Amino acid sequence: MKEAYIVLTPIPQAALTLKNRPVILLREFPPYGDFWVCGVSTQLHQQVSGFEDVAI
């Protein structure tokens, strides 16, 4: 995996389950291979104003 890739990763849900969701890999933090990620969604009606950005 490299920065700028879009991958599926398990994200915790409100029902205490995990669901695979798309994220963009923004930055890798060596030496551990951890990534800073940004979630991706098409559900604009669930946007939190002032917190999330919408790119159309």
PDB file of N, CA and C in Angstrom:
ATOM      1  N   MET A   1       0.844  -1.179   0.000  1.00  0.00           N
ATOM      2  CA  MET A   1       0.000   0.000   0.000  1.00  0.00           C
ATOM      3  C   MET A   1       0.888   1.241   0.000  1.00  0.00           C
ATOM      4  N   LYS A   2       0.388   2.263  -0.674  1.00  0.00           N
ATOM      5  CA  LYS A   2       1.119   3.529  -0.764  1.00  0.00           C
ATOM      6  C   LYS A   2       0.166   4.686  -0.494  1.00  0.00           C
ATOM      7  N   GLU A   3       0.759   5.836  -0.185  1.00  0.00           N
ATOM      8  CA  GLU A   3      -0.044   7.037  -0.001  1.00  0.00           C
ATOM      9  C   GLU A   3      -0.855   7.314  -1.265  1.00  0.00           C
ATOM     10  N   ALA A   4      -2.061   7.813  -1.099  1.00  0.00           N
ATOM     11  CA  ALA A   4      -3.010   8.159  -2.153  1.00  0.00           C
ATOM     12  C   ALA A   4      -3.823   6.973  -2.653  1.00  0.00           C
ATOM     13  N   TYR A   5      -3.553   5.761  -2.169  1.00  0.00           N
ATOM     14  CA  TYR A   5      -4.373   4.603  -2.535  1.00  0.00           C
ATOM     15  C   TYR A   5      -5.716   4.692  -1.825  1.00  0.00           C
ATOM     16  N   ILE A   6      -6.736   4.146  -2.448  1.00  0.00           N
ATOM     17  CA  ILE A   6      -8.039   3.974  -1.811  1.00  0.00           C
ATOM     18  C   ILE A   6      -8.160   2.493  -1.483  1.00  0.00           C
ATOM     19  N   VAL A   7      -8.409   2.196  -0.206  1.00  0.00           N
ATOM     20  CA  VAL A   7      -8.480   0.813   0.255  1.00  0.00           C
ATOM     21  C   VAL A   7      -9.714   0.620   1.126  1.00  0.00           C
ATOM     22  N   LEU A   8     -10.096  -0.631   1.332  1.00  0.00           N
ATOM     23  CA  LEU A   8     -11.159  -0.960   2.272  1.00  0.00           C
ATOM     24  C   LEU A   8     -10.533  -1.352   3.606  1.00  0.00           C
ATOM     25  N   THR A   9     -11.095  -0.835   4.695  1.00  0.00           N
ATOM     26  CA  THR A   9     -10.608  -1.172   6.025  1.00  0.00           C
ATOM     27  C   THR A   9     -11.787  -1.310   6.977  1.00  0.00           C
ATOM     28  N   PRO A  10     -11.697  -2.182   7.966  1.00  0.00           N
ATOM     29  CA  PRO A  10     -12.804  -2.328   8.922  1.00  0.00           C
ATOM     30  C   PRO A  10     -12.940  -1.086   9.801  1.00  0.00           C
ATOM     31  N   ILE A  11     -14.157  -0.531   9.852  1.00  0.00           N
ATOM     32  CA  ILE A  11     -14.459   0.662  10.647  1.00  0.00           C
ATOM     33  C   ILE A  11     -15.542   0.271  11.660  1.00  0.00           C
ATOM     34  N   PRO A  12     -15.363   0.643  12.941  1.00  0.00           N
ATOM     35  CA  PRO A  12     -16.401   0.343  13.941  1.00  0.00           C
ATOM     36  C   PRO A  12     -17.708   1.077  13.621  1.00  0.00           C
ATOM     37  N   GLN A  13     -18.819   0.375  13.795  1.00  0.00           N
ATOM     38  CA  GLN A  13     -20.144   0.934  13.560  1.00  0.00           C
ATOM     39  C   GLN A  13     -20.841   1.172  14.904  1.00  0.00           C
ATOM     40  N   ALA A  14     -21.943   1.911  14.881  1.00  0.00           N
ATOM     41  CA  ALA A  14     -22.686   2.226  16.103  1.00  0.00           C
ATOM     42  C   ALA A  14     -23.206   0.966  16.798  1.00  0.00           C
ATOM     43  N   ALA A  15     -23.480  -0.085  16.040  1.00  0.00           N
ATOM     44  CA  ALA A  15     -24.007  -1.329  16.601  1.00  0.00           C
ATOM     45  C   ALA A  15     -22.894  -2.235  17.142  1.00  0.00           C
ATOM     46  N   LEU A  16     -21.696  -1.658  17.357  1.00  0.00           N
ATOM     47  CA  LEU A  16     -20.538  -2.388  17.881  1.00  0.00           C
ATOM     48  C   LEU A  16     -20.085  -3.522  16.975  1.00  0.00           C
ATOM     49  N   THR A  17     -20.267  -3.330  15.680  1.00  0.00           N
ATOM     50  CA  THR A  17     -19.779  -4.279  14.679  1.00  0.00           C
ATOM     51  C   THR A  17     -18.728  -3.579  13.830  1.00  0.00           C
ATOM     52  N   LEU A  18     -18.033  -4.347  13.012  1.00  0.00           N
ATOM     53  CA  LEU A  18     -17.067  -3.781  12.071  1.00  0.00           C
ATOM     54  C   LEU A  18     -17.606  -3.936  10.663  1.00  0.00           C
ATOM     55  N   LYS A  19     -17.404  -2.922   9.838  1.00  0.00           N
ATOM     56  CA  LYS A  19     -17.857  -2.967   8.452  1.00  0.00           C
ATOM     57  C   LYS A  19     -16.750  -2.407   7.576  1.00  0.00           C
ATOM     58  N   ASN A  20     -16.444  -3.070   6.471  1.00  0.00           N
ATOM     59  CA  ASN A  20     -15.413  -2.575   5.558  1.00  0.00           C
ATOM     60  C   ASN A  20     -15.909  -1.314   4.865  1.00  0.00           C
ATOM     61  N   ARG A  21     -15.098  -0.257   4.965  1.00  0.00           N
ATOM     62  CA  ARG A  21     -15.428   1.037   4.359  1.00  0.00           C
ATOM     63  C   ARG A  21     -14.217   1.565   3.607  1.00  0.00           C
ATOM     64  N   PRO A  22     -14.431   2.365   2.545  1.00  0.00           N
ATOM     65  CA  PRO A  22     -13.298   2.922   1.793  1.00  0.00           C
ATOM     66  C   PRO A  22     -12.653   4.089   2.540  1.00  0.00           C
ATOM     67  N   VAL A  23     -11.325   4.138   2.452  1.00  0.00           N
ATOM     68  CA  VAL A  23     -10.552   5.256   2.990  1.00  0.00           C
ATOM     69  C   VAL A  23      -9.449   5.594   1.994  1.00  0.00           C
ATOM     70  N   ILE A  24      -8.982   6.833   2.034  1.00  0.00           N
ATOM     71  CA  ILE A  24      -7.829   7.255   1.246  1.00  0.00           C
ATOM     72  C   ILE A  24      -6.630   7.274   2.184  1.00  0.00           C
ATOM     73  N   LEU A  25      -5.535   6.645   1.775  1.00  0.00           N
ATOM     74  CA  LEU A  25      -4.315   6.650   2.569  1.00  0.00           C
ATOM     75  C   LEU A  25      -3.612   7.986   2.343  1.00  0.00           C
ATOM     76  N   LEU A  26      -3.598   8.838   3.370  1.00  0.00           N
ATOM     77  CA  LEU A  26      -3.038  10.180   3.225  1.00  0.00           C
ATOM     78  C   LEU A  26      -1.538  10.225   3.481  1.00  0.00           C
ATOM     79  N   ARG A  27      -1.097   9.571   4.534  1.00  0.00           N
ATOM     80  CA  ARG A  27       0.311   9.651   4.915  1.00  0.00           C
ATOM     81  C   ARG A  27       0.719   8.405   5.681  1.00  0.00           C
ATOM     82  N   GLU A  28       1.878   7.839   5.338  1.00  0.00           N
ATOM     83  CA  GLU A  28       2.409   6.694   6.072  1.00  0.00           C
ATOM     84  C   GLU A  28       3.385   7.189   7.128  1.00  0.00           C
ATOM     85  N   PHE A  29       3.325   6.600   8.318  1.00  0.00           N
ATOM     86  CA  PHE A  29       4.211   6.957   9.407  1.00  0.00           C
ATOM     87  C   PHE A  29       5.185   5.813   9.676  1.00  0.00           C
ATOM     88  N   PRO A  30       6.408   5.918   9.123  1.00  0.00           N
ATOM     89  CA  PRO A  30       7.407   4.895   9.375  1.00  0.00           C
ATOM     90  C   PRO A  30       7.916   5.012  10.815  1.00  0.00           C
ATOM     91  N   PRO A  31       8.522   4.044  11.399  1.00  0.00           N
ATOM     92  CA  PRO A  31       8.900   2.753  10.828  1.00  0.00           C
ATOM     93  C   PRO A  31       7.820   1.695  11.009  1.00  0.00           C
ATOM     94  N   TYR A  32       6.651   2.066  11.565  1.00  0.00           N
ATOM     95  CA  TYR A  32       5.637   1.074  11.925  1.00  0.00           C
ATOM     96  C   TYR A  32       4.670   0.733  10.801  1.00  0.00           C
ATOM     97  N   GLY A  33       4.618   1.522   9.751  1.00  0.00           N
ATOM     98  CA  GLY A  33       3.702   1.254   8.651  1.00  0.00           C
ATOM     99  C   GLY A  33       2.281   1.700   8.939  1.00  0.00           C
ATOM    100  N   ASP A  34       2.093   2.574   9.945  1.00  0.00           N
ATOM    101  CA  ASP A  34       0.768   3.112  10.232  1.00  0.00           C
ATOM    102  C   ASP A  34       0.415   4.171   9.192  1.00  0.00           C
ATOM    103  N   PHE A  35      -0.892   4.371   8.975  1.00  0.00           N
ATOM    104  CA  PHE A  35      -1.347   5.367   8.001  1.00  0.00           C
ATOM    105  C   PHE A  35      -2.314   6.344   8.641  1.00  0.00           C
ATOM    106  N   TRP A  36      -2.251   7.578   8.185  1.00  0.00           N
ATOM    107  CA  TRP A  36      -3.260   8.590   8.468  1.00  0.00           C
ATOM    108  C   TRP A  36      -4.244   8.463   7.320  1.00  0.00           C
ATOM    109  N   VAL A  37      -5.545   8.300   7.619  1.00  0.00           N
ATOM    110  CA  VAL A  37      -6.525   8.045   6.568  1.00  0.00           C
ATOM    111  C   VAL A  37      -7.668   9.049   6.618  1.00  0.00           C
ATOM    112  N   CYS A  38      -8.408   9.093   5.521  1.00  0.00           N
ATOM    113  CA  CYS A  38      -9.603   9.918   5.408  1.00  0.00           C
ATOM    114  C   CYS A  38     -10.714   9.034   4.864  1.00  0.00           C
ATOM    115  N   GLY A  39     -11.846   8.984   5.561  1.00  0.00           N
ATOM    116  CA  GLY A  39     -12.973   8.177   5.110  1.00  0.00           C
ATOM    117  C   GLY A  39     -13.629   8.762   3.876  1.00  0.00           C
ATOM    118  N   VAL A  40     -14.232   7.900   3.076  1.00  0.00           N
ATOM    119  CA  VAL A  40     -14.903   8.295   1.840  1.00  0.00           C
ATOM    120  C   VAL A  40     -16.346   7.806   1.898  1.00  0.00           C
ATOM    121  N   SER A  41     -17.291   8.672   1.524  1.00  0.00           N
ATOM    122  CA  SER A  41     -18.705   8.289   1.532  1.00  0.00           C
ATOM    123  C   SER A  41     -19.450   9.023   0.428  1.00  0.00           C
ATOM    124  N   THR A  42     -20.522   8.420  -0.037  1.00  0.00           N
ATOM    125  CA  THR A  42     -21.411   9.072  -0.994  1.00  0.00           C
ATOM    126  C   THR A  42     -22.708   9.514  -0.319  1.00  0.00           C
ATOM    127  N   GLN A  43     -22.824   9.297   0.978  1.00  0.00           N
ATOM    128  CA  GLN A  43     -24.045   9.599   1.730  1.00  0.00           C
ATOM    129  C   GLN A  43     -24.040  11.052   2.206  1.00  0.00           C
ATOM    130  N   LEU A  44     -24.308  11.981   1.280  1.00  0.00           N
ATOM    131  CA  LEU A  44     -24.243  13.402   1.599  1.00  0.00           C
ATOM    132  C   LEU A  44     -25.295  13.834   2.617  1.00  0.00           C
ATOM    133  N   HIS A  45     -26.401  13.115   2.713  1.00  0.00           N
ATOM    134  CA  HIS A  45     -27.444  13.499   3.664  1.00  0.00           C
ATOM    135  C   HIS A  45     -27.003  13.263   5.114  1.00  0.00           C
ATOM    136  N   GLN A  46     -25.890  12.540   5.319  1.00  0.00           N
ATOM    137  CA  GLN A  46     -25.389  12.286   6.671  1.00  0.00           C
ATOM    138  C   GLN A  46     -24.222  13.195   7.034  1.00  0.00           C
ATOM    139  N   GLN A  47     -23.950  14.210   6.241  1.00  0.00           N
ATOM    140  CA  GLN A  47     -22.841  15.123   6.480  1.00  0.00           C
ATOM    141  C   GLN A  47     -23.029  15.874   7.790  1.00  0.00           C
ATOM    142  N   VAL A  48     -21.942  16.052   8.535  1.00  0.00           N
ATOM    143  CA  VAL A  48     -21.941  16.841   9.765  1.00  0.00           C
ATOM    144  C   VAL A  48     -21.389  18.225   9.419  1.00  0.00           C
ATOM    145  N   SER A  49     -22.248  19.244   9.422  1.00  0.00           N
ATOM    146  CA  SER A  49     -21.826  20.597   9.052  1.00  0.00           C
ATOM    147  C   SER A  49     -20.729  21.110   9.969  1.00  0.00           C
ATOM    148  N   GLY A  50     -19.744  21.773   9.378  1.00  0.00           N
ATOM    149  CA  GLY A  50     -18.650  22.319  10.135  1.00  0.00           C
ATOM    150  C   GLY A  50     -17.566  21.320  10.479  1.00  0.00           C
ATOM    151  N   PHE A  51     -17.791  20.047  10.175  1.00  0.00           N
ATOM    152  CA  PHE A  51     -16.812  19.008  10.487  1.00  0.00           C
ATOM    153  C   PHE A  51     -16.304  18.320   9.231  1.00  0.00           C
ATOM    154  N   GLU A  52     -17.218  17.983   8.340  1.00  0.00           N
ATOM    155  CA  GLU A  52     -16.855  17.237   7.128  1.00  0.00           C
ATOM    156  C   GLU A  52     -16.841  18.139   5.908  1.00  0.00           C
ATOM    157  N   ASP A  53     -15.944  17.845   4.979  1.00  0.00           N
ATOM    158  CA  ASP A  53     -15.883  18.562   3.709  1.00  0.00           C
ATOM    159  C   ASP A  53     -16.530  17.721   2.621  1.00  0.00           C
ATOM    160  N   VAL A  54     -17.234  18.386   1.716  1.00  0.00           N
ATOM    161  CA  VAL A  54     -17.871  17.725   0.586  1.00  0.00           C
ATOM    162  C   VAL A  54     -17.158  18.165  -0.688  1.00  0.00           C
ATOM    163  N   ALA A  55     -16.662  17.198  -1.437  1.00  0.00           N
ATOM    164  CA  ALA A  55     -16.032  17.480  -2.720  1.00  0.00           C
ATOM    165  C   ALA A  55     -16.916  16.893  -3.814  1.00  0.00           C
ATOM    166  N   ILE A  56     -17.456  17.754  -4.642  1.00  0.00           N
ATOM    167  CA  ILE A  56     -18.358  17.283  -5.695  1.00  0.00           C
ATOM    168  C   ILE A  56     -17.690  17.469  -7.038  1.00  0.00           C
TER     169      ILE A  56
END
